[in-house]
């Protein structure tokens, strides 16, 4: 008896050149998605989906990650059964210079103003 073959999980990512600024801004309109982007921007490392403290359930969290991926903001990949997330900073900077840095700075300022911050 041989071992069962397991198909590699392939995650489809759009080319950043195929993403519109409207799509990126719509993805970033949600505070939970801005939290994901802000956390990745400051982490200096790729993070698993479970690393984020989002005030939503698991299926809603999965939806948020999908929206960010489809808008070209995240690159996702598997390490074993763990889905990892990387911010596509360099690609986005080439496509939309200064946009990501401005959004992260605004999210930082918003977080500082939040009650209990």
N, C-alpha and C. Protein backbone atom coordinates (compact mmCIF):
# COMPACT_ATOMS: atom_id res chain seq x y z
N UNK A 1 0.84 -1.18 0.00
CA UNK A 1 0.00 0.00 0.00
C UNK A 1 0.88 1.24 0.00
N UNK A 2 0.65 2.14 -0.92
CA UNK A 2 1.42 3.38 -0.99
C UNK A 2 0.76 4.47 -0.17
N UNK A 3 1.47 5.54 -0.01
CA UNK A 3 0.93 6.69 0.71
C UNK A 3 -0.03 7.45 -0.18
N UNK A 4 -1.04 8.00 0.41
CA UNK A 4 -1.98 8.82 -0.35
C UNK A 4 -1.27 10.11 -0.76
N UNK A 5 -1.50 10.52 -1.97
CA UNK A 5 -0.89 11.77 -2.44
C UNK A 5 -1.81 12.92 -2.07
N UNK A 6 -1.22 13.95 -1.58
CA UNK A 6 -1.97 15.14 -1.19
C UNK A 6 -1.61 16.25 -2.17
N UNK A 7 -2.63 16.83 -2.77
CA UNK A 7 -2.40 17.92 -3.72
C UNK A 7 -1.94 19.16 -2.96
N UNK A 8 -1.00 19.86 -3.55
CA UNK A 8 -0.52 21.11 -2.95
C UNK A 8 -1.65 22.14 -2.99
N UNK A 9 -1.74 22.91 -1.94
CA UNK A 9 -2.76 23.96 -1.89
C UNK A 9 -2.22 25.17 -2.64
N UNK A 10 -2.99 25.60 -3.61
CA UNK A 10 -2.58 26.75 -4.40
C UNK A 10 -3.51 27.91 -4.07
N UNK A 11 -2.93 29.03 -3.73
CA UNK A 11 -3.70 30.23 -3.45
C UNK A 11 -3.46 31.20 -4.60
N UNK A 12 -4.53 31.64 -5.23
CA UNK A 12 -4.44 32.53 -6.38
C UNK A 12 -4.33 33.98 -5.91
N UNK A 13 -3.36 34.69 -6.47
CA UNK A 13 -3.15 36.10 -6.15
C UNK A 13 -3.22 36.92 -7.44
N UNK A 14 -3.88 38.06 -7.39
CA UNK A 14 -3.89 38.91 -8.59
C UNK A 14 -2.54 39.57 -8.76
N UNK A 15 -2.20 39.89 -10.00
CA UNK A 15 -1.03 40.72 -10.22
C UNK A 15 -1.36 42.12 -9.73
N UNK A 16 -0.45 42.76 -9.06
CA UNK A 16 -0.71 44.10 -8.53
C UNK A 16 -1.07 45.07 -9.67
N UNK A 17 -0.53 44.82 -10.86
CA UNK A 17 -0.84 45.68 -12.01
C UNK A 17 -2.30 45.54 -12.44
N UNK A 18 -2.98 44.49 -11.99
CA UNK A 18 -4.39 44.27 -12.34
C UNK A 18 -5.35 44.80 -11.29
N UNK A 19 -4.82 45.39 -10.22
CA UNK A 19 -5.64 45.88 -9.12
C UNK A 19 -5.82 47.38 -9.27
N UNK A 20 -7.04 47.85 -9.05
CA UNK A 20 -7.30 49.30 -9.13
C UNK A 20 -7.15 49.95 -7.76
N UNK A 21 -6.91 51.24 -7.76
CA UNK A 21 -6.80 51.97 -6.50
C UNK A 21 -8.14 51.91 -5.77
N UNK A 22 -9.25 51.90 -6.50
CA UNK A 22 -10.56 51.79 -5.86
C UNK A 22 -10.68 50.47 -5.11
N UNK A 23 -10.23 49.39 -5.72
CA UNK A 23 -10.29 48.07 -5.07
C UNK A 23 -9.46 48.06 -3.78
N UNK A 24 -8.29 48.65 -3.83
CA UNK A 24 -7.42 48.72 -2.65
C UNK A 24 -8.09 49.55 -1.55
N UNK A 25 -8.61 50.72 -1.93
CA UNK A 25 -9.24 51.59 -0.93
C UNK A 25 -10.50 50.96 -0.33
N UNK A 26 -11.28 50.27 -1.17
CA UNK A 26 -12.46 49.59 -0.64
C UNK A 26 -12.06 48.49 0.34
N UNK A 27 -11.00 47.77 0.05
CA UNK A 27 -10.52 46.73 0.96
C UNK A 27 -10.06 47.34 2.28
N UNK A 28 -9.48 48.52 2.22
CA UNK A 28 -8.95 49.17 3.41
C UNK A 28 -10.00 49.98 4.18
N UNK A 29 -11.21 50.05 3.66
CA UNK A 29 -12.27 50.82 4.32
C UNK A 29 -12.72 50.17 5.62
N UNK A 30 -12.55 48.87 5.73
CA UNK A 30 -13.00 48.16 6.92
C UNK A 30 -11.94 48.21 8.01
N UNK A 31 -12.32 48.58 9.25
CA UNK A 31 -11.33 48.68 10.33
C UNK A 31 -10.60 47.38 10.64
N UNK A 32 -11.28 46.24 10.54
CA UNK A 32 -10.61 44.96 10.82
C UNK A 32 -9.52 44.70 9.78
N UNK A 33 -9.80 45.03 8.53
CA UNK A 33 -8.79 44.83 7.48
C UNK A 33 -7.64 45.81 7.64
N UNK A 34 -7.93 47.04 8.06
CA UNK A 34 -6.83 47.99 8.34
C UNK A 34 -5.97 47.47 9.49
N UNK A 35 -6.58 46.82 10.46
CA UNK A 35 -5.82 46.25 11.58
C UNK A 35 -4.86 45.17 11.07
N UNK A 36 -5.32 44.34 10.16
CA UNK A 36 -4.46 43.30 9.59
C UNK A 36 -3.28 43.94 8.87
N UNK A 37 -3.55 44.92 8.03
CA UNK A 37 -2.49 45.59 7.26
C UNK A 37 -1.52 46.30 8.20
N UNK A 38 -2.04 47.01 9.18
CA UNK A 38 -1.20 47.74 10.14
C UNK A 38 -0.32 46.77 10.92
N UNK A 39 -0.89 45.67 11.38
CA UNK A 39 -0.14 44.67 12.15
C UNK A 39 0.99 44.08 11.30
N UNK A 40 0.68 43.73 10.05
CA UNK A 40 1.72 43.18 9.17
C UNK A 40 2.79 44.23 8.86
N UNK A 41 2.38 45.47 8.66
CA UNK A 41 3.35 46.53 8.34
C UNK A 41 4.35 46.73 9.48
N UNK A 42 3.89 46.56 10.71
CA UNK A 42 4.77 46.77 11.87
C UNK A 42 5.48 45.50 12.34
N UNK A 43 5.05 44.34 11.86
CA UNK A 43 5.60 43.09 12.39
C UNK A 43 7.01 42.78 11.89
N UNK A 44 7.30 43.17 10.65
CA UNK A 44 8.59 42.83 10.09
C UNK A 44 8.70 41.35 9.73
N UNK A 45 7.59 40.62 9.83
CA UNK A 45 7.59 39.19 9.52
C UNK A 45 6.21 38.79 8.99
N UNK A 46 6.16 37.68 8.32
CA UNK A 46 4.88 37.13 7.88
C UNK A 46 4.19 36.54 9.11
N UNK A 47 2.87 36.62 9.14
CA UNK A 47 2.11 36.16 10.30
C UNK A 47 1.00 35.20 9.88
N UNK A 48 0.69 34.25 10.74
CA UNK A 48 -0.41 33.33 10.47
C UNK A 48 -1.74 34.05 10.71
N UNK A 49 -2.79 33.54 10.09
CA UNK A 49 -4.12 34.14 10.27
C UNK A 49 -4.51 34.19 11.74
N UNK A 50 -4.13 33.18 12.51
CA UNK A 50 -4.47 33.13 13.92
C UNK A 50 -3.70 34.11 14.80
N UNK A 51 -2.72 34.81 14.24
CA UNK A 51 -1.91 35.76 15.00
C UNK A 51 -2.61 37.10 15.24
N UNK A 52 -3.71 37.32 14.53
CA UNK A 52 -4.36 38.63 14.57
C UNK A 52 -5.51 38.61 15.58
N UNK A 53 -5.59 39.66 16.37
CA UNK A 53 -6.66 39.80 17.36
C UNK A 53 -7.77 40.63 16.72
N UNK A 54 -8.65 39.95 15.99
CA UNK A 54 -9.73 40.65 15.31
C UNK A 54 -11.04 40.43 16.08
N UNK A 55 -11.87 41.48 16.15
CA UNK A 55 -13.12 41.38 16.92
C UNK A 55 -14.25 40.73 16.12
N UNK A 56 -13.92 39.69 15.36
CA UNK A 56 -14.92 39.01 14.51
C UNK A 56 -14.72 37.51 14.62
N UNK A 57 -15.70 36.76 14.17
CA UNK A 57 -15.63 35.30 14.18
C UNK A 57 -14.67 34.79 13.11
N UNK A 58 -14.45 33.48 13.15
CA UNK A 58 -13.48 32.86 12.24
C UNK A 58 -13.87 33.00 10.76
N UNK A 59 -15.13 32.79 10.43
CA UNK A 59 -15.53 32.87 9.02
C UNK A 59 -15.45 34.31 8.52
N UNK A 60 -15.81 35.27 9.35
CA UNK A 60 -15.69 36.68 8.96
C UNK A 60 -14.23 37.06 8.81
N UNK A 61 -13.40 36.56 9.70
CA UNK A 61 -11.96 36.80 9.60
C UNK A 61 -11.42 36.25 8.28
N UNK A 62 -11.83 35.04 7.90
CA UNK A 62 -11.40 34.45 6.64
C UNK A 62 -11.83 35.32 5.47
N UNK A 63 -13.04 35.86 5.54
CA UNK A 63 -13.53 36.76 4.49
C UNK A 63 -12.63 37.99 4.37
N UNK A 64 -12.27 38.58 5.52
CA UNK A 64 -11.41 39.77 5.50
C UNK A 64 -10.06 39.47 4.84
N UNK A 65 -9.47 38.32 5.16
CA UNK A 65 -8.19 37.95 4.54
C UNK A 65 -8.36 37.76 3.03
N UNK A 66 -9.47 37.18 2.61
CA UNK A 66 -9.72 36.99 1.18
C UNK A 66 -9.85 38.32 0.45
N UNK A 67 -10.57 39.25 1.05
CA UNK A 67 -10.73 40.59 0.44
C UNK A 67 -9.37 41.26 0.28
N UNK A 68 -8.54 41.18 1.32
CA UNK A 68 -7.21 41.79 1.25
C UNK A 68 -6.34 41.12 0.19
N UNK A 69 -6.42 39.81 0.09
CA UNK A 69 -5.66 39.08 -0.93
C UNK A 69 -6.13 39.46 -2.32
N UNK A 70 -7.44 39.47 -2.54
CA UNK A 70 -8.00 39.78 -3.85
C UNK A 70 -7.73 41.23 -4.28
N UNK A 71 -7.52 42.11 -3.30
CA UNK A 71 -7.19 43.50 -3.59
C UNK A 71 -5.69 43.70 -3.78
N UNK A 72 -4.92 42.62 -3.72
CA UNK A 72 -3.49 42.70 -3.95
C UNK A 72 -2.67 43.15 -2.76
N UNK A 73 -3.28 43.25 -1.59
CA UNK A 73 -2.57 43.73 -0.41
C UNK A 73 -1.78 42.64 0.31
N UNK A 74 -2.27 41.40 0.22
CA UNK A 74 -1.61 40.29 0.91
C UNK A 74 -1.18 39.21 -0.07
N UNK A 75 -0.10 38.53 0.31
CA UNK A 75 0.27 37.28 -0.34
C UNK A 75 0.12 36.23 0.74
N UNK A 76 -0.63 35.18 0.45
CA UNK A 76 -0.85 34.11 1.42
C UNK A 76 -0.21 32.82 0.92
N UNK A 77 0.28 32.03 1.86
CA UNK A 77 0.88 30.75 1.53
C UNK A 77 0.77 29.84 2.74
N UNK A 78 0.89 28.55 2.49
CA UNK A 78 0.80 27.58 3.56
C UNK A 78 2.17 27.14 4.03
N UNK A 79 2.28 26.96 5.34
CA UNK A 79 3.40 26.27 5.97
C UNK A 79 2.73 25.14 6.74
N UNK A 80 2.79 23.95 6.17
CA UNK A 80 2.02 22.84 6.73
C UNK A 80 0.55 23.14 6.58
N UNK A 81 -0.18 23.18 7.68
CA UNK A 81 -1.60 23.49 7.63
C UNK A 81 -1.89 24.94 8.02
N UNK A 82 -0.85 25.71 8.28
CA UNK A 82 -1.00 27.09 8.71
C UNK A 82 -0.93 28.04 7.51
N UNK A 83 -1.94 28.88 7.39
CA UNK A 83 -1.94 29.87 6.31
C UNK A 83 -1.21 31.12 6.81
N UNK A 84 -0.17 31.49 6.09
CA UNK A 84 0.65 32.65 6.43
C UNK A 84 0.27 33.84 5.56
N UNK A 85 0.52 35.04 6.06
CA UNK A 85 0.18 36.27 5.37
C UNK A 85 1.40 37.18 5.29
N UNK A 86 1.64 37.72 4.11
CA UNK A 86 2.72 38.67 3.89
C UNK A 86 2.13 39.91 3.22
N UNK A 87 2.49 41.07 3.69
CA UNK A 87 2.06 42.32 3.08
C UNK A 87 2.88 42.54 1.82
N UNK A 88 2.22 42.88 0.72
CA UNK A 88 2.90 43.07 -0.56
C UNK A 88 3.40 44.52 -0.69
N UNK A 89 4.14 44.96 0.30
CA UNK A 89 4.57 46.36 0.42
C UNK A 89 5.31 46.88 -0.79
N UNK A 90 6.34 46.16 -1.22
CA UNK A 90 7.18 46.65 -2.32
C UNK A 90 6.39 46.74 -3.62
N UNK A 91 5.58 45.72 -3.89
CA UNK A 91 4.76 45.72 -5.11
C UNK A 91 3.75 46.87 -5.09
N UNK A 92 3.12 47.07 -3.93
CA UNK A 92 2.14 48.15 -3.82
C UNK A 92 2.79 49.52 -3.92
N UNK A 93 3.99 49.64 -3.37
CA UNK A 93 4.70 50.93 -3.44
C UNK A 93 5.01 51.28 -4.90
N UNK A 94 5.38 50.29 -5.69
CA UNK A 94 5.63 50.54 -7.12
C UNK A 94 4.36 50.93 -7.85
N UNK A 95 3.25 50.27 -7.51
CA UNK A 95 1.98 50.51 -8.21
C UNK A 95 1.30 51.79 -7.74
N UNK A 96 1.28 52.02 -6.42
CA UNK A 96 0.61 53.18 -5.82
C UNK A 96 1.56 53.84 -4.83
N UNK A 97 2.54 54.62 -5.31
CA UNK A 97 3.55 55.19 -4.43
C UNK A 97 2.96 55.98 -3.25
N UNK A 98 3.39 55.61 -2.05
CA UNK A 98 3.00 56.32 -0.84
C UNK A 98 1.66 55.92 -0.25
N UNK A 99 0.85 55.18 -0.98
CA UNK A 99 -0.50 54.87 -0.51
C UNK A 99 -0.49 54.01 0.76
N UNK A 100 0.24 52.92 0.73
CA UNK A 100 0.26 52.02 1.88
C UNK A 100 0.84 52.71 3.12
N UNK A 101 1.91 53.45 2.95
CA UNK A 101 2.51 54.17 4.09
C UNK A 101 1.52 55.17 4.67
N UNK A 102 0.77 55.86 3.82
CA UNK A 102 -0.22 56.84 4.30
C UNK A 102 -1.35 56.15 5.06
N UNK A 103 -1.80 55.01 4.56
CA UNK A 103 -2.87 54.27 5.23
C UNK A 103 -2.40 53.75 6.58
N UNK A 104 -1.19 53.21 6.63
CA UNK A 104 -0.66 52.70 7.91
C UNK A 104 -0.47 53.85 8.91
N UNK A 105 0.03 54.99 8.45
CA UNK A 105 0.20 56.15 9.34
C UNK A 105 -1.15 56.62 9.87
N UNK A 106 -2.16 56.65 9.01
CA UNK A 106 -3.50 57.06 9.45
C UNK A 106 -4.08 56.04 10.43
N UNK A 107 -3.87 54.76 10.19
CA UNK A 107 -4.36 53.72 11.10
C UNK A 107 -3.64 53.80 12.45
N UNK A 108 -2.34 54.13 12.42
CA UNK A 108 -1.59 54.31 13.66
C UNK A 108 -2.18 55.47 14.47
N UNK A 109 -2.46 56.59 13.80
CA UNK A 109 -3.02 57.75 14.48
C UNK A 109 -4.41 57.43 15.03
N UNK A 110 -5.19 56.69 14.27
CA UNK A 110 -6.52 56.27 14.71
C UNK A 110 -6.41 55.38 15.94
N UNK A 111 -5.46 54.47 15.96
CA UNK A 111 -5.27 53.56 17.10
C UNK A 111 -4.85 54.34 18.36
N UNK A 112 -4.05 55.37 18.18
CA UNK A 112 -3.62 56.19 19.33
C UNK A 112 -4.79 56.96 19.94
N UNK A 113 -5.76 57.32 19.10
CA UNK A 113 -6.92 58.08 19.58
C UNK A 113 -8.00 57.19 20.17
N UNK A 114 -7.91 55.89 19.96
CA UNK A 114 -8.95 54.96 20.41
C UNK A 114 -8.99 54.94 21.94
N UNK A 115 -10.19 54.79 22.49
CA UNK A 115 -10.30 54.69 23.97
C UNK A 115 -9.46 53.53 24.49
N UNK A 116 -8.75 53.77 25.55
CA UNK A 116 -7.92 52.74 26.16
C UNK A 116 -6.57 52.59 25.50
N UNK A 117 -6.27 53.46 24.51
CA UNK A 117 -4.97 53.37 23.82
C UNK A 117 -3.87 54.00 24.63
